[in-house]
Amino acid sequence: MDKLRRVLSGHEDEEQGLTAQVLDSSTLSFGTRVKWFAICFVSGVVCSILGTGLLFLPNGTKMFALFYTLGNIAALASTCFLMGPLKQLKKMFEPTRLIATVVMLLCMVCTLCAALWWGKKALAVIFCIFQFIAMTWYSLSYIPYARDAVMKCCTSCLG
């Protein structure tokens, strides 16, 4: 646990240059990082839930797509407080997460385009469903053997 705190607080490698330290992790204390992670994550979840509630209002598709996507972005960005933005980006584009990351980001952009510019409500909802699936698959990649367990569960249910 002590090593985790040193890594997350940026004291692991004191020899880094200033730019590398800023990009690798912030100067916030461990407690402050955890608090902002929680605030950002909870606000992301609240935005996503609020967006889902707005879907059922008349002409609420635009607000649904906007709030749901912003909620996912906030939840995704919350981990930047724990590991720093550069480490977050490196982990997002590792080979095990590359496809899920690209699909997730593409679905976020397509959701906003479909709802705000193209005016296609059904397409926006479909992209949100894909966004949810991609975000779930991406999140499972951080849990050892979680993707394998989900795949086995799905194949046993279908086969």
Protein backbone atom coordinates (compact mmCIF):
# COMPACT_ATOMS: atom_id res chain seq x y z
CA MET A 1 0.00 0.00 0.00
CA ASP A 2 2.89 2.34 0.76
CA LYS A 3 4.37 1.74 -2.70
CA LEU A 4 0.96 2.50 -4.25
CA ARG A 5 0.84 5.81 -2.41
CA ARG A 6 4.36 6.70 -3.60
CA VAL A 7 3.47 5.87 -7.18
CA LEU A 8 0.17 7.76 -7.09
CA SER A 9 1.66 10.78 -5.35
CA GLY A 10 4.51 11.06 -7.84
CA HIS A 11 7.32 10.38 -5.32
CA GLU A 12 8.36 7.17 -7.04
CA ASP A 13 10.89 8.88 -9.29
CA GLU A 14 12.20 12.21 -7.97
CA GLU A 15 14.61 12.52 -10.91
CA GLN A 16 11.87 13.22 -13.49
CA GLY A 17 11.81 16.60 -15.18
CA LEU A 18 9.11 19.12 -14.35
CA THR A 19 7.13 18.51 -17.55
CA ALA A 20 7.20 14.75 -17.04
CA GLN A 21 6.01 15.16 -13.45
CA VAL A 22 3.09 17.37 -14.48
CA LEU A 23 2.04 15.03 -17.28
CA ASP A 24 2.63 11.89 -15.24
CA SER A 25 0.80 12.93 -12.10
CA SER A 26 -0.33 16.03 -10.34
CA THR A 27 1.07 17.56 -7.17
CA LEU A 28 -2.09 16.79 -5.23
CA SER A 29 -1.84 14.76 -2.04
CA PHE A 30 -3.10 11.18 -2.03
CA GLY A 31 -6.20 12.12 -0.01
CA THR A 32 -7.04 14.99 -2.33
CA ARG A 33 -6.66 12.74 -5.36
CA VAL A 34 -9.03 10.16 -3.92
CA LYS A 35 -11.59 12.87 -3.04
CA TRP A 36 -11.50 14.38 -6.54
CA PHE A 37 -11.65 10.93 -8.10
CA ALA A 38 -14.82 10.24 -6.09
CA ILE A 39 -16.35 13.64 -6.89
CA CYS A 40 -15.64 13.29 -10.61
CA PHE A 41 -16.81 9.68 -10.76
CA VAL A 42 -20.02 10.31 -8.82
CA SER A 43 -20.81 13.40 -10.91
CA GLY A 44 -20.30 11.28 -14.03
CA VAL A 45 -22.69 8.64 -12.76
CA VAL A 46 -25.24 11.30 -11.78
CA CYS A 47 -25.00 12.90 -15.24
CA SER A 48 -25.52 9.53 -16.91
CA ILE A 49 -28.54 8.73 -14.73
CA LEU A 50 -29.96 12.22 -15.24
CA GLY A 51 -29.49 11.84 -18.98
CA THR A 52 -31.30 8.52 -18.94
CA GLY A 53 -34.20 10.16 -17.10
CA LEU A 54 -34.32 12.96 -19.66
CA LEU A 55 -34.72 10.41 -22.46
CA PHE A 56 -38.33 9.86 -21.50
CA LEU A 57 -39.27 13.53 -21.70
CA PRO A 58 -40.69 14.96 -24.93
CA ASN A 59 -37.77 15.98 -27.16
CA GLY A 60 -35.32 14.84 -24.49
CA THR A 61 -33.10 12.83 -26.81
CA LYS A 62 -30.60 15.65 -27.28
CA MET A 63 -30.26 16.22 -23.55
CA PHE A 64 -30.07 12.46 -22.97
CA ALA A 65 -27.21 12.06 -25.44
CA LEU A 66 -25.37 15.09 -24.06
CA PHE A 67 -25.70 14.21 -20.37
CA TYR A 68 -25.06 10.50 -20.88
CA THR A 69 -21.90 11.14 -22.91
CA LEU A 70 -20.64 13.86 -20.52
CA GLY A 71 -21.27 11.47 -17.64
CA ASN A 72 -19.16 8.78 -19.28
CA ILE A 73 -16.40 11.28 -20.03
CA ALA A 74 -16.40 12.48 -16.41
CA ALA A 75 -16.30 8.92 -15.09
CA LEU A 76 -13.48 8.07 -17.46
CA ALA A 77 -11.56 11.24 -16.59
CA SER A 78 -11.90 10.57 -12.86
CA THR A 79 -9.07 8.07 -12.97
CA CYS A 80 -6.74 10.85 -14.13
CA PHE A 81 -6.79 12.04 -10.52
CA LEU A 82 -5.47 8.68 -9.36
CA MET A 83 -2.76 7.97 -11.90
CA GLY A 84 -2.25 11.18 -13.85
CA PRO A 85 -3.38 12.00 -17.39
CA LEU A 86 -0.37 10.60 -19.21
CA LYS A 87 -0.51 7.22 -17.46
CA GLN A 88 -4.26 7.15 -18.06
CA LEU A 89 -3.79 7.69 -21.80
CA LYS A 90 -1.02 5.08 -21.95
CA LYS A 91 -3.23 2.53 -20.20
CA MET A 92 -6.21 3.37 -22.41
CA PHE A 93 -4.26 2.63 -25.56
CA GLU A 94 -2.50 -0.55 -24.40
CA PRO A 95 -3.12 -3.45 -26.80
CA THR A 96 -5.57 -5.14 -24.41
CA ARG A 97 -7.77 -2.01 -24.31
CA LEU A 98 -7.13 -0.46 -27.72
CA ILE A 99 -10.23 -1.73 -29.52
CA ALA A 100 -12.54 -1.00 -26.59
CA THR A 101 -11.08 2.50 -26.22
CA VAL A 102 -11.42 3.36 -29.90
CA VAL A 103 -14.98 1.99 -30.08
CA MET A 104 -15.92 3.82 -26.87
CA LEU A 105 -14.53 7.17 -28.04
CA LEU A 106 -16.01 6.74 -31.51
CA CYS A 107 -19.43 5.94 -30.04
CA MET A 108 -19.24 9.03 -27.83
CA VAL A 109 -18.57 11.24 -30.84
CA CYS A 110 -21.22 9.49 -32.95
CA THR A 111 -23.78 9.81 -30.14
CA LEU A 112 -23.29 13.56 -29.96
CA CYS A 113 -23.30 13.91 -33.76
CA ALA A 114 -26.48 11.85 -34.15
CA ALA A 115 -28.35 13.77 -31.45
CA LEU A 116 -27.08 17.33 -31.89
CA TRP A 117 -26.25 17.71 -35.58
CA TRP A 118 -27.88 14.93 -37.55
CA GLY A 119 -31.15 14.97 -35.58
CA LYS A 120 -31.46 11.16 -35.62
CA LYS A 121 -32.96 10.20 -32.26
CA ALA A 122 -33.00 6.43 -32.76
CA LEU A 123 -29.41 6.47 -33.99
CA ALA A 124 -28.33 8.46 -30.92
CA VAL A 125 -29.92 5.86 -28.64
CA ILE A 126 -28.24 3.02 -30.55
CA PHE A 127 -24.86 4.74 -30.25
CA CYS A 128 -25.49 5.20 -26.51
CA ILE A 129 -26.12 1.47 -26.17
CA PHE A 130 -22.86 0.76 -28.01
CA GLN A 131 -21.17 3.37 -25.83
CA PHE A 132 -22.39 1.55 -22.72
CA ILE A 133 -21.20 -1.83 -24.00
CA ALA A 134 -17.79 -0.45 -25.02
CA MET A 135 -17.38 1.36 -21.69
CA THR A 136 -18.26 -1.82 -19.82
CA TRP A 137 -15.83 -3.90 -21.88
CA TYR A 138 -13.13 -1.25 -21.35
CA SER A 139 -13.75 -1.19 -17.58
CA LEU A 140 -13.64 -4.98 -17.35
CA SER A 141 -10.13 -4.92 -18.81
CA TYR A 142 -8.84 -3.51 -15.51
CA ILE A 143 -10.15 -6.51 -13.54
CA PRO A 144 -7.99 -9.62 -13.96
CA TYR A 145 -9.83 -12.40 -15.83
CA ALA A 146 -13.12 -10.43 -15.84
CA ARG A 147 -13.40 -10.43 -19.63
CA ASP A 148 -12.76 -14.18 -19.72
CA ALA A 149 -15.46 -14.75 -17.10
CA VAL A 150 -17.97 -12.64 -19.03
CA MET A 151 -17.15 -14.47 -22.27
CA LYS A 152 -17.55 -17.88 -20.59
CA CYS A 153 -20.83 -16.79 -19.02
CA CYS A 154 -22.19 -15.54 -22.35
CA THR A 155 -21.12 -18.66 -24.25
CA SER A 156 -22.63 -20.93 -21.62
CA CYS A 157 -25.91 -19.00 -21.73
CA LEU A 158 -26.02 -19.04 -25.53
CA GLY A 159 -24.66 -22.53 -26.09
